[in-house]
Amino acid sequence: MWFGALFFAGWVFFGVLMWANLRHTLTNERRQTLARRIERLQELLRKDASAADADRKQDYSDFAHATGNGLAEVFRPDGGLELPSPSPAASAFPWPKVEPGNPSRFLTVHSGGQSYWVLAQPFSLDGKPLVLMAGAPDAGNQVVIQNFLLGMLALVPCLFLVASAAGYWLSRRALQPVDRIAAAARSIGIRNLSDRVPISGANDELQRLAETCNAMLDRLEASVNQMKRFTADASHELRGPLTFTRTVAEIALKDPGTDAASRAAFQDIVDEAAKAAVMLEEMLALARADAAPANLVLEQVDLGPLLHEVYRTTKPIAAQHGLRLTLLATSDPAPVLGDAPALQRLVWILLDNAIKYSRPNGRIVLSLKAAGHQATVDVEDDGIGIAPDDLPLIFNRFYRADPSRGVVEGNGLGLSIAQWIAETHRAQLTVQSTPERGTVFHLAFPLASSLEVPGAPNADTAARASRPQRVRHALTRHSHSS
């Protein structure tokens, strides 16, 4: 719009200059014509100075008709005519008042609804002062100027549209590299920090901007990789001391000579070491996910038998907390491409979260639906809910809503792992919650029939889904996750 406005303003300025120049040119041309006519009239009067009156009158009449349709007069200083009017038009024309002593001048006279230019010029014939006047219509010039102005005004809409279209095209073309840089920058995240912004090679400001962004991404990638290595190394190195501490405390608990106070202290050590071990395992899992996010082998898995297995294993745990766990699963097949243990872990994390944040005698519903090209898994509870300010943050690592700190055990890593598993399986994990009314976690999987994965093997879904030992191991390891 700015380009169009500036272009249009420039065109208006150019049009005004052209109009003024045309008017000035036509006016000068008309004045030069009148000046030449007066010069010829002077020559005629000098030539006929000694001729008879009849010859002078005839020559004057012929000159007037030949040069200006009779619009010429020769006045004396008192305003009287030196020679008779050469034509009726000249006789009826409203000539300006004769003012002796004035220099040559151009005047504008209106007659019969038209505008005329009149040149009044002093002249001396054999010492006798005279004033010569000649007139010419200005209507032709006015028509030309008016047509030019109308043509310029008629072009206003077209030129405005052309200017706007050209401005849009130029701005889009100029900003296209910026859009590519912005799109590339938006697509780069923690999972693909090795990607870079494309460089145009135009050696301009945009190339320098892209190079600066890539240099910044290099530094970020180096820092993030360093943090990932530190997290993985620290988690790995801490497992040994924690295992040793827990083992020593368990041995001390088995000693019959240990007093009650010491036994309670050793039991606290065992419990806290178990929680820390779970947290380290989850930190290692996330570190491995950051290092190799696609390290799972995806096969065809039917979500129905898988949810039944997780439900069967989780129902006693929910009952221990005074909660009713219900499974509502469709009988239709719901095959997805995935890793069964990872999917079981994903559903367990959501169920474990619902168990922790539900009130006694509460109800948890695990449901499965398959429609079109999508399978959906919902985990719904009627617990304490999540505040609106906390909803965008619950999938962040180590984040826990303030009201839950110190009330519910956990380390804030479970939902981060759940989100990673969902992303790995091309699923979308969303949450809806109302404080004091409950929370619903919604998982949307694309069905295997809608995905084209070359070489993906078909597996026995029932056998793939029923792995009780691995499920129980996963549930035991993450029974304290959040």
Protein backbone atom coordinates (compact mmCIF):
# COMPACT_ATOMS: atom_id res chain seq x y z
CA MET A 1 0.00 0.00 0.00
CA TRP A 2 2.87 2.37 0.76
CA PHE A 3 4.44 1.62 -2.61
CA GLY A 4 1.11 2.18 -4.35
CA ALA A 5 0.52 5.44 -2.48
CA LEU A 6 4.00 6.76 -3.24
CA PHE A 7 3.77 5.70 -6.88
CA PHE A 8 0.34 7.34 -7.18
CA ALA A 9 1.56 10.54 -5.50
CA GLY A 10 4.53 10.62 -7.86
CA TRP A 11 2.23 10.15 -10.82
CA VAL A 12 -0.04 12.99 -9.62
CA PHE A 13 2.98 15.28 -9.24
CA PHE A 14 4.18 14.31 -12.72
CA GLY A 15 0.69 14.91 -14.15
CA VAL A 16 0.46 18.38 -12.60
CA LEU A 17 3.86 19.27 -14.04
CA MET A 18 2.84 17.99 -17.47
CA TRP A 19 -0.44 19.93 -17.31
CA ALA A 20 1.36 23.13 -16.31
CA ASN A 21 3.97 22.61 -19.01
CA LEU A 22 1.30 22.02 -21.67
CA ARG A 23 -0.63 25.10 -20.60
CA HIS A 24 2.52 27.22 -20.59
CA THR A 25 3.57 25.92 -24.03
CA LEU A 26 0.18 26.55 -25.63
CA THR A 27 -0.05 30.02 -24.08
CA ASN A 28 3.44 30.96 -25.30
CA GLU A 29 2.60 29.68 -28.76
CA ARG A 30 -0.53 31.82 -28.88
CA ARG A 31 1.37 34.88 -27.68
CA GLN A 32 4.11 34.35 -30.24
CA THR A 33 1.46 34.12 -32.97
CA LEU A 34 -0.03 37.44 -31.86
CA ALA A 35 3.40 39.05 -31.63
CA ARG A 36 4.24 37.99 -35.20
CA ARG A 37 0.87 39.30 -36.39
CA ILE A 38 1.54 42.70 -34.82
CA GLU A 39 4.99 42.78 -36.44
CA ARG A 40 3.45 42.09 -39.88
CA LEU A 41 0.81 44.78 -39.23
CA GLN A 42 3.58 47.25 -38.42
CA GLU A 43 5.35 46.38 -41.68
CA LEU A 44 2.10 46.84 -43.60
CA LEU A 45 1.45 50.24 -42.03
CA ARG A 46 4.96 51.45 -42.82
CA LYS A 47 4.68 50.23 -46.41
CA ASP A 48 1.29 51.89 -46.96
CA ALA A 49 2.19 55.11 -45.15
CA SER A 50 2.27 57.09 -48.44
CA ALA A 51 -0.48 55.09 -50.24
CA ALA A 52 -3.96 56.32 -50.91
CA ASP A 53 -6.55 55.88 -48.16
CA ALA A 54 -8.56 53.41 -50.23
CA ASP A 55 -5.48 51.25 -50.81
CA ARG A 56 -4.52 51.42 -47.16
CA LYS A 57 -7.99 50.34 -46.06
CA GLN A 58 -8.08 47.47 -48.55
CA ASP A 59 -4.61 46.20 -47.62
CA TYR A 60 -5.52 46.42 -43.94
CA SER A 61 -8.77 44.50 -44.48
CA ASP A 62 -7.01 41.78 -46.50
CA PHE A 63 -4.34 41.46 -43.82
CA ALA A 64 -6.88 41.16 -41.00
CA HIS A 65 -8.93 38.51 -42.77
CA ALA A 66 -5.82 36.54 -43.75
CA THR A 67 -4.25 36.49 -40.30
CA GLY A 68 -6.86 36.55 -37.59
CA ASN A 69 -10.39 36.36 -38.90
CA GLY A 70 -10.50 40.14 -38.86
CA LEU A 71 -9.58 40.55 -35.16
CA ALA A 72 -7.21 43.47 -35.47
CA GLU A 73 -7.53 47.23 -34.86
CA VAL A 74 -5.36 50.36 -35.05
CA PHE A 75 -6.21 52.86 -32.32
CA ARG A 76 -5.18 56.43 -31.70
CA PRO A 77 -4.12 57.46 -28.16
CA ASP A 78 -7.60 58.90 -27.52
CA GLY A 79 -9.20 55.52 -28.25
CA GLY A 80 -10.48 56.38 -31.69
CA LEU A 81 -9.82 54.21 -34.72
CA GLU A 82 -6.99 55.25 -37.02
CA LEU A 83 -8.33 52.93 -39.70
CA PRO A 84 -11.87 51.57 -40.10
CA SER A 85 -12.51 48.13 -38.60
CA PRO A 86 -11.41 45.47 -41.09
CA SER A 87 -14.40 43.18 -40.33
CA PRO A 88 -17.71 43.08 -38.48
CA ALA A 89 -16.13 40.71 -35.93
CA ALA A 90 -13.44 43.27 -35.15
CA SER A 91 -16.03 46.03 -34.92
CA ALA A 92 -18.17 44.04 -32.45
CA PHE A 93 -15.24 42.74 -30.41
CA PRO A 94 -14.92 44.19 -26.85
CA TRP A 95 -11.40 45.59 -27.22
CA PRO A 96 -9.71 46.67 -23.99
CA LYS A 97 -9.42 50.37 -23.19
CA VAL A 98 -6.49 52.13 -24.85
CA GLU A 99 -3.98 53.40 -22.30
CA PRO A 100 -1.26 55.50 -23.93
CA GLY A 101 2.24 55.14 -22.56
CA ASN A 102 1.80 51.53 -21.43
CA PRO A 103 4.30 49.01 -22.74
CA SER A 104 3.38 46.03 -24.85
CA ARG A 105 1.12 43.71 -22.89
CA PHE A 106 -1.10 40.63 -23.23
CA LEU A 107 -4.67 40.80 -21.97
CA THR A 108 -7.49 38.29 -21.60
CA VAL A 109 -10.89 39.23 -22.97
CA HIS A 110 -14.14 37.22 -22.84
CA SER A 111 -16.62 37.50 -25.68
CA GLY A 112 -19.50 35.28 -26.67
CA GLY A 113 -18.75 32.80 -23.92
CA GLN A 114 -15.17 32.33 -25.14
CA SER A 115 -11.79 33.50 -23.95
CA TYR A 116 -9.47 35.52 -26.21
CA TRP A 117 -5.86 36.61 -25.95
CA VAL A 118 -5.29 40.26 -26.99
CA LEU A 119 -1.89 41.86 -27.58
CA ALA A 120 -1.81 45.66 -27.21
CA GLN A 121 1.44 47.20 -28.44
CA PRO A 122 2.40 50.91 -28.84
CA PHE A 123 3.55 51.93 -32.33
CA SER A 124 4.78 55.15 -33.92
CA LEU A 125 4.12 55.87 -37.60
CA ASP A 126 5.99 58.92 -38.90
CA GLY A 127 6.04 60.35 -35.40
CA LYS A 128 2.36 59.71 -34.81
CA PRO A 129 1.66 57.52 -31.74
CA LEU A 130 -0.69 54.58 -32.26
CA VAL A 131 -1.77 51.44 -30.39
CA LEU A 132 -1.98 48.22 -32.37
CA MET A 133 -4.21 45.43 -31.10
CA ALA A 134 -4.66 41.86 -32.36
CA GLY A 135 -6.81 39.11 -30.86
CA ALA A 136 -7.00 35.34 -31.15
CA PRO A 137 -9.36 32.83 -29.52
CA ASP A 138 -8.04 30.62 -26.71
CA ALA A 139 -10.80 28.00 -27.06
CA GLY A 140 -8.59 25.52 -28.93
CA ASN A 141 -5.96 25.64 -26.21
CA GLN A 142 -8.59 25.23 -23.52
CA VAL A 143 -10.01 22.16 -25.27
CA VAL A 144 -6.56 20.58 -25.48
CA ILE A 145 -5.83 21.32 -21.82
CA GLN A 146 -9.26 20.09 -20.73
CA ASN A 147 -8.93 16.83 -22.71
CA PHE A 148 -5.49 16.27 -21.23
CA LEU A 149 -6.83 16.80 -17.70
CA LEU A 150 -9.82 14.50 -18.31
CA GLY A 151 -7.50 11.83 -19.67
CA MET A 152 -5.28 12.07 -16.62
CA LEU A 153 -8.29 11.80 -14.28
CA ALA A 154 -9.68 8.85 -16.23
CA LEU A 155 -6.41 7.01 -15.72
CA VAL A 156 -6.51 7.48 -11.93
CA PRO A 157 -8.35 4.20 -11.07
CA CYS A 158 -6.29 2.15 -13.53
CA LEU A 159 -3.01 3.61 -12.37
CA PHE A 160 -3.97 3.18 -8.73
CA LEU A 161 -4.79 -0.50 -9.31
CA VAL A 162 -1.61 -1.01 -11.31
CA ALA A 163 0.45 0.74 -8.63
CA SER A 164 -1.15 -1.33 -5.85
CA ALA A 165 -0.67 -4.59 -7.77
CA ALA A 166 2.93 -3.71 -8.56
CA GLY A 167 3.53 -2.76 -4.93
CA TYR A 168 2.06 -6.05 -3.74
CA TRP A 169 4.13 -8.04 -6.22
CA LEU A 170 7.33 -6.22 -5.36
CA SER A 171 6.75 -6.43 -1.62
CA ARG A 172 5.97 -10.15 -1.79
CA ARG A 173 9.02 -10.73 -3.94
CA ALA A 174 11.19 -8.65 -1.61
CA LEU A 175 9.82 -10.34 1.53
CA GLN A 176 9.82 -13.88 0.15
CA PRO A 177 13.36 -14.56 1.45
CA VAL A 178 12.26 -13.23 4.85
CA ASP A 179 9.30 -15.64 4.82
CA ARG A 180 11.63 -18.53 4.00
CA ILE A 181 13.97 -17.55 6.82
CA ALA A 182 11.04 -17.19 9.25
CA ALA A 183 9.52 -20.54 8.20
CA ALA A 184 12.88 -22.30 8.58
CA ALA A 185 13.45 -20.67 11.97
CA ARG A 186 9.97 -21.73 13.16
CA SER A 187 10.55 -25.32 12.05
CA ILE A 188 13.80 -25.65 14.04
CA GLY A 189 13.30 -26.97 17.55
CA ILE A 190 14.99 -29.05 20.19
CA ARG A 191 14.51 -32.16 18.03
CA ASN A 192 16.20 -30.77 14.91
CA LEU A 193 18.73 -28.22 16.08
CA SER A 194 21.09 -29.45 13.38
CA ASP A 195 18.88 -27.88 10.68
CA ARG A 196 19.90 -24.49 9.37
CA VAL A 197 18.29 -21.46 7.75
CA PRO A 198 18.80 -21.46 3.95
CA ILE A 199 21.31 -18.91 2.64
CA SER A 200 20.44 -17.16 -0.62
CA GLY A 201 23.99 -16.28 -1.73
CA ALA A 202 22.84 -12.81 -2.84
CA ASN A 203 25.43 -11.11 -0.61
CA ASP A 204 22.82 -8.76 0.84
CA GLU A 205 21.32 -7.98 4.24
CA LEU A 206 19.11 -11.09 4.15
CA GLN A 207 22.11 -13.33 3.56
CA ARG A 208 23.87 -11.74 6.52
CA LEU A 209 20.70 -12.25 8.61
CA ALA A 210 20.56 -15.94 7.64
CA GLU A 211 24.25 -16.37 8.43
CA THR A 212 23.75 -14.70 11.81
CA CYS A 213 20.80 -17.00 12.58
CA ASN A 214 22.86 -20.06 11.61
CA ALA A 215 25.77 -18.92 13.80
CA MET A 216 23.33 -18.51 16.70
CA LEU A 217 21.91 -21.99 16.01
CA ASP A 218 25.45 -23.41 16.03
CA ARG A 219 26.00 -21.98 19.49
CA LEU A 220 22.60 -23.18 20.70
CA GLU A 221 23.17 -26.67 19.33
CA ALA A 222 26.57 -26.88 21.03
CA SER A 223 25.09 -25.71 24.35
CA VAL A 224 22.08 -28.04 24.14
CA ASN A 225 24.26 -31.02 23.22
CA GLN A 226 26.49 -30.22 26.16
CA MET A 227 23.47 -30.14 28.49
CA LYS A 228 22.17 -33.40 27.03
CA ARG A 229 25.51 -35.10 27.57
CA PHE A 230 25.69 -33.75 31.11
CA THR A 231 22.16 -34.96 31.90
CA ALA A 232 22.81 -38.42 30.48
CA ASP A 233 26.22 -38.75 32.12
CA ALA A 234 25.00 -37.45 35.47
CA SER A 235 21.99 -39.78 35.44
CA HIS A 236 24.16 -42.72 34.51
CA GLU A 237 26.82 -41.97 37.11
CA LEU A 238 24.29 -41.41 39.92
CA ARG A 239 22.64 -44.78 39.44
CA GLY A 240 25.58 -46.57 41.03
CA PRO A 241 25.68 -44.60 44.30
CA LEU A 242 21.88 -44.72 44.59
CA THR A 243 21.81 -48.48 44.08
CA PHE A 244 24.57 -48.90 46.65
CA THR A 245 22.79 -46.67 49.18
CA ARG A 246 19.51 -48.48 48.70
CA THR A 247 21.19 -51.91 49.03
CA VAL A 248 22.97 -50.91 52.26
CA ALA A 249 19.70 -49.59 53.72
CA GLU A 250 17.83 -52.76 52.77
CA ILE A 251 20.53 -54.93 54.38
CA ALA A 252 20.33 -52.83 57.53
CA LEU A 253 16.57 -53.33 57.59
CA LYS A 254 17.06 -57.09 57.56
CA ASP A 255 19.30 -56.92 60.65
CA PRO A 256 17.12 -57.95 63.64
CA GLY A 257 19.31 -55.92 65.97
CA THR A 258 18.40 -52.62 64.35
CA ASP A 259 16.42 -50.39 66.70
CA ALA A 260 13.05 -48.91 65.69
CA ALA A 261 14.32 -45.37 65.05
CA SER A 262 17.12 -46.62 62.83
CA ARG A 263 14.75 -48.97 61.03
CA ALA A 264 12.44 -46.04 60.25
CA ALA A 265 15.38 -44.00 58.97
CA PHE A 266 16.61 -46.86 56.78
CA GLN A 267 13.09 -47.32 55.41
CA ASP A 268 12.98 -43.62 54.47
CA ILE A 269 16.34 -44.04 52.72
CA VAL A 270 15.02 -47.02 50.74
CA ASP A 271 11.87 -45.13 49.69
CA GLU A 272 13.69 -41.96 48.66
CA ALA A 273 16.35 -43.95 46.80
CA ALA A 274 13.59 -45.75 44.89
CA LYS A 275 12.03 -42.43 43.93
CA ALA A 276 15.39 -41.02 42.88
CA ALA A 277 16.07 -44.14 40.81
CA VAL A 278 12.77 -43.67 38.98
CA MET A 279 13.63 -40.04 38.29
CA LEU A 280 17.08 -40.99 36.98
CA GLU A 281 15.54 -43.61 34.70
CA GLU A 282 13.14 -41.03 33.32
CA MET A 283 15.93 -38.49 32.86
CA LEU A 284 17.92 -41.12 30.97
CA ALA A 285 14.88 -41.92 28.84
CA LEU A 286 14.44 -38.25 27.90
CA ALA A 287 18.17 -37.87 27.26
CA ARG A 288 18.06 -40.85 24.91
CA ALA A 289 14.96 -39.41 23.24
CA ASP A 290 16.77 -36.11 22.65
CA ALA A 291 19.79 -37.90 21.24
CA ALA A 292 17.82 -40.34 19.03
CA PRO A 293 14.12 -39.46 18.87
CA ALA A 294 13.28 -42.15 16.30
CA ASN A 295 14.96 -45.18 17.89
CA LEU A 296 11.71 -47.16 18.25
CA VAL A 297 10.76 -49.90 15.82
CA LEU A 298 7.16 -49.22 14.82
CA GLU A 299 4.96 -52.20 14.04
CA GLN A 300 1.22 -52.64 13.67
CA VAL A 301 -0.38 -52.68 17.10
CA ASP A 302 -4.07 -53.00 17.94
CA LEU A 303 -4.91 -50.49 20.66
CA GLY A 304 -7.87 -52.54 21.93
CA PRO A 305 -5.93 -55.50 23.44
CA LEU A 306 -3.18 -53.12 24.54
CA LEU A 307 -5.59 -50.97 26.57
CA HIS A 308 -7.20 -54.04 28.06
CA GLU A 309 -3.81 -55.21 29.32
CA VAL A 310 -2.96 -51.81 30.82
CA TYR A 311 -6.44 -51.61 32.36
CA ARG A 312 -6.11 -55.08 33.90
CA THR A 313 -2.79 -54.17 35.49
CA THR A 314 -3.80 -50.67 36.64
CA LYS A 315 -7.23 -51.46 38.10
CA PRO A 316 -5.86 -52.90 41.40
CA ILE A 317 -3.65 -49.83 41.86
CA ALA A 318 -6.63 -47.53 41.38
CA ALA A 319 -8.64 -49.61 43.85
CA GLN A 320 -5.90 -49.21 46.46
CA HIS A 321 -6.42 -45.45 46.17
CA GLY A 322 -10.19 -45.80 46.52
CA LEU A 323 -10.85 -45.04 42.83
CA ARG A 324 -13.06 -46.72 40.24
CA LEU A 325 -11.32 -47.35 36.91
CA THR A 326 -13.60 -48.03 33.94
CA LEU A 327 -12.64 -49.11 30.41
CA LEU A 328 -14.88 -48.16 27.49
CA ALA A 329 -13.27 -49.61 24.37
CA THR A 330 -14.73 -50.21 20.95
CA SER A 331 -14.81 -53.77 19.70
CA ASP A 332 -13.67 -52.66 16.25
CA PRO A 333 -9.97 -53.06 15.46
CA ALA A 334 -7.88 -49.93 16.03
CA PRO A 335 -4.50 -50.75 14.44
CA VAL A 336 -1.77 -48.13 14.69
CA LEU A 337 1.93 -48.14 13.90
CA GLY A 338 3.80 -48.12 17.15
CA ASP A 339 5.96 -49.78 19.74
CA ALA A 340 3.73 -51.69 22.18
CA PRO A 341 5.86 -51.19 25.33
CA ALA A 342 6.17 -47.46 24.60
CA LEU A 343 2.41 -47.15 24.01
CA GLN A 344 1.69 -49.04 27.25
CA ARG A 345 4.02 -46.70 29.06
CA LEU A 346 2.24 -43.70 27.52
CA VAL A 347 -1.21 -44.87 28.66
CA TRP A 348 0.14 -45.79 32.08
CA ILE A 349 1.61 -42.32 32.59
CA LEU A 350 -1.76 -40.75 31.84
CA LEU A 351 -3.57 -43.18 34.14
CA ASP A 352 -0.99 -42.69 36.88
CA ASN A 353 -1.44 -38.93 36.60
CA ALA A 354 -5.22 -39.36 36.90
CA ILE A 355 -4.82 -41.62 39.97
CA LYS A 356 -2.57 -39.12 41.76
CA TYR A 357 -4.80 -36.11 41.20
CA SER A 358 -8.19 -37.75 41.85
CA ARG A 359 -10.08 -37.49 45.10
CA PRO A 360 -11.03 -40.60 47.11
CA ASN A 361 -14.05 -42.40 45.68
CA GLY A 362 -13.39 -40.70 42.38
CA ARG A 363 -13.88 -42.17 38.93
CA ILE A 364 -11.39 -42.60 36.07
CA VAL A 365 -12.55 -43.53 32.58
CA LEU A 366 -10.21 -44.99 29.95
CA SER A 367 -11.91 -45.00 26.54
CA LEU A 368 -11.02 -45.97 22.97
CA LYS A 369 -12.80 -44.98 19.77
CA ALA A 370 -11.97 -45.63 16.12
CA ALA A 371 -13.57 -43.57 13.39
CA GLY A 372 -12.47 -42.74 9.88
CA HIS A 373 -8.68 -42.64 9.73
CA GLN A 374 -8.18 -41.94 13.42
CA ALA A 375 -8.16 -43.76 16.74
CA THR A 376 -8.67 -41.74 19.92
CA VAL A 377 -7.78 -42.65 23.50
CA ASP A 378 -9.17 -40.55 26.36
CA VAL A 379 -8.19 -40.63 30.03
CA GLU A 380 -10.80 -38.73 32.05
CA ASP A 381 -10.92 -38.10 35.79
CA ASP A 382 -13.06 -36.02 38.14
CA GLY A 383 -10.15 -34.85 40.28
CA ILE A 384 -8.78 -31.49 41.30
CA GLY A 385 -8.20 -30.31 37.72
CA ILE A 386 -5.54 -27.98 36.37
CA ALA A 387 -5.55 -24.19 36.50
CA PRO A 388 -5.75 -22.43 33.09
CA ASP A 389 -2.37 -20.76 33.66
CA ASP A 390 -0.74 -24.16 34.20
CA LEU A 391 -2.25 -25.94 31.17
CA PRO A 392 0.32 -24.69 28.60
CA LEU A 393 3.19 -25.72 30.91
CA ILE A 394 2.31 -29.18 32.16
CA PHE A 395 4.29 -30.94 29.41
CA ASN A 396 7.48 -29.05 30.34
CA ARG A 397 10.13 -31.05 32.11
CA PHE A 398 10.12 -30.86 35.91
CA TYR A 399 7.04 -28.61 35.86
CA ARG A 400 4.39 -29.23 38.48
CA ALA A 401 1.46 -27.01 39.32
CA ASP A 402 2.02 -25.17 42.59
CA PRO A 403 -1.00 -26.57 44.49
CA SER A 404 0.29 -30.11 43.89
CA ARG A 405 3.81 -29.56 45.23
CA GLY A 406 4.30 -31.36 48.49
CA VAL A 407 0.90 -33.02 48.21
CA VAL A 408 1.38 -35.49 45.37
CA GLU A 409 4.60 -37.38 44.85
CA GLY A 410 6.33 -37.05 41.51
CA ASN A 411 9.14 -35.29 39.68
CA GLY A 412 7.36 -33.60 36.75
CA LEU A 413 8.89 -35.78 34.02
CA GLY A 414 6.06 -38.22 33.29
CA LEU A 415 4.02 -35.97 30.99
CA SER A 416 7.19 -34.91 29.15
CA ILE A 417 7.88 -38.57 28.41
CA ALA A 418 4.24 -39.08 27.40
CA GLN A 419 4.44 -36.21 24.93
CA TRP A 420 7.68 -37.57 23.45
CA ILE A 421 6.11 -41.02 22.97
CA ALA A 422 3.03 -39.46 21.36
CA GLU A 423 5.15 -37.41 18.96
CA THR A 424 7.19 -40.47 18.05
CA HIS A 425 3.95 -42.27 17.11
CA ARG A 426 2.60 -39.30 15.10
CA ALA A 427 -0.10 -38.87 17.71
CA GLN A 428 -1.43 -35.63 19.11
CA LEU A 429 -1.64 -35.35 22.88
CA THR A 430 -3.89 -32.58 24.20
CA VAL A 431 -5.48 -31.80 27.56
CA GLN A 432 -8.67 -30.13 28.73
CA SER A 433 -9.26 -29.34 32.37
CA THR A 434 -11.56 -27.43 34.69
CA PRO A 435 -10.34 -26.71 38.22
CA GLU A 436 -12.19 -28.76 40.85
CA ARG A 437 -14.11 -30.66 38.14
CA GLY A 438 -11.55 -32.88 36.45
CA THR A 439 -9.17 -33.36 33.53
CA VAL A 440 -9.29 -35.14 30.17
CA PHE A 441 -6.14 -36.18 28.30
CA HIS A 442 -6.90 -36.80 24.64
CA LEU A 443 -4.70 -38.93 22.35
CA ALA A 444 -5.37 -38.98 18.61
CA PHE A 445 -3.53 -41.66 16.57
CA PRO A 446 -3.60 -42.04 12.79
CA LEU A 447 -4.74 -45.54 11.92
CA ALA A 448 -2.15 -47.77 10.30
CA SER A 449 -4.31 -48.05 7.16
CA SER A 450 -3.94 -44.28 6.60
CA LEU A 451 -0.14 -44.31 6.87
CA GLU A 452 2.27 -45.34 4.16
CA VAL A 453 5.32 -46.81 5.77
CA PRO A 454 7.29 -48.87 3.25
CA GLY A 455 8.53 -52.13 4.63
CA ALA A 456 6.56 -51.88 7.88
CA PRO A 457 6.01 -55.51 8.98
CA ASN A 458 2.65 -56.82 10.04
CA ALA A 459 2.75 -58.37 13.47
CA ASP A 460 0.36 -60.49 15.47
CA THR A 461 -1.41 -57.67 17.23
CA ALA A 462 -2.80 -59.75 20.05
CA ALA A 463 0.59 -61.27 20.83
CA ARG A 464 2.23 -57.86 20.41
CA ALA A 465 -0.17 -56.24 22.82
CA SER A 466 -0.07 -58.90 25.53
CA ARG A 467 3.34 -58.69 27.19
CA PRO A 468 2.46 -58.87 30.88
CA GLN A 469 6.03 -59.08 32.18
CA ARG A 470 7.21 -56.03 30.26
CA VAL A 471 4.04 -54.14 31.21
CA ARG A 472 4.41 -54.91 34.88
CA HIS A 473 8.06 -53.90 34.70
CA ALA A 474 7.10 -50.57 33.16
CA LEU A 475 4.37 -50.00 35.71
CA THR A 476 6.71 -50.85 38.59
CA ARG A 477 9.48 -48.57 37.33
CA HIS A 478 7.16 -45.60 36.86
CA SER A 479 4.76 -46.02 39.72
CA HIS A 480 6.12 -42.78 41.23
CA SER A 481 6.27 -40.73 38.04
CA SER A 482 3.99 -37.81 37.35
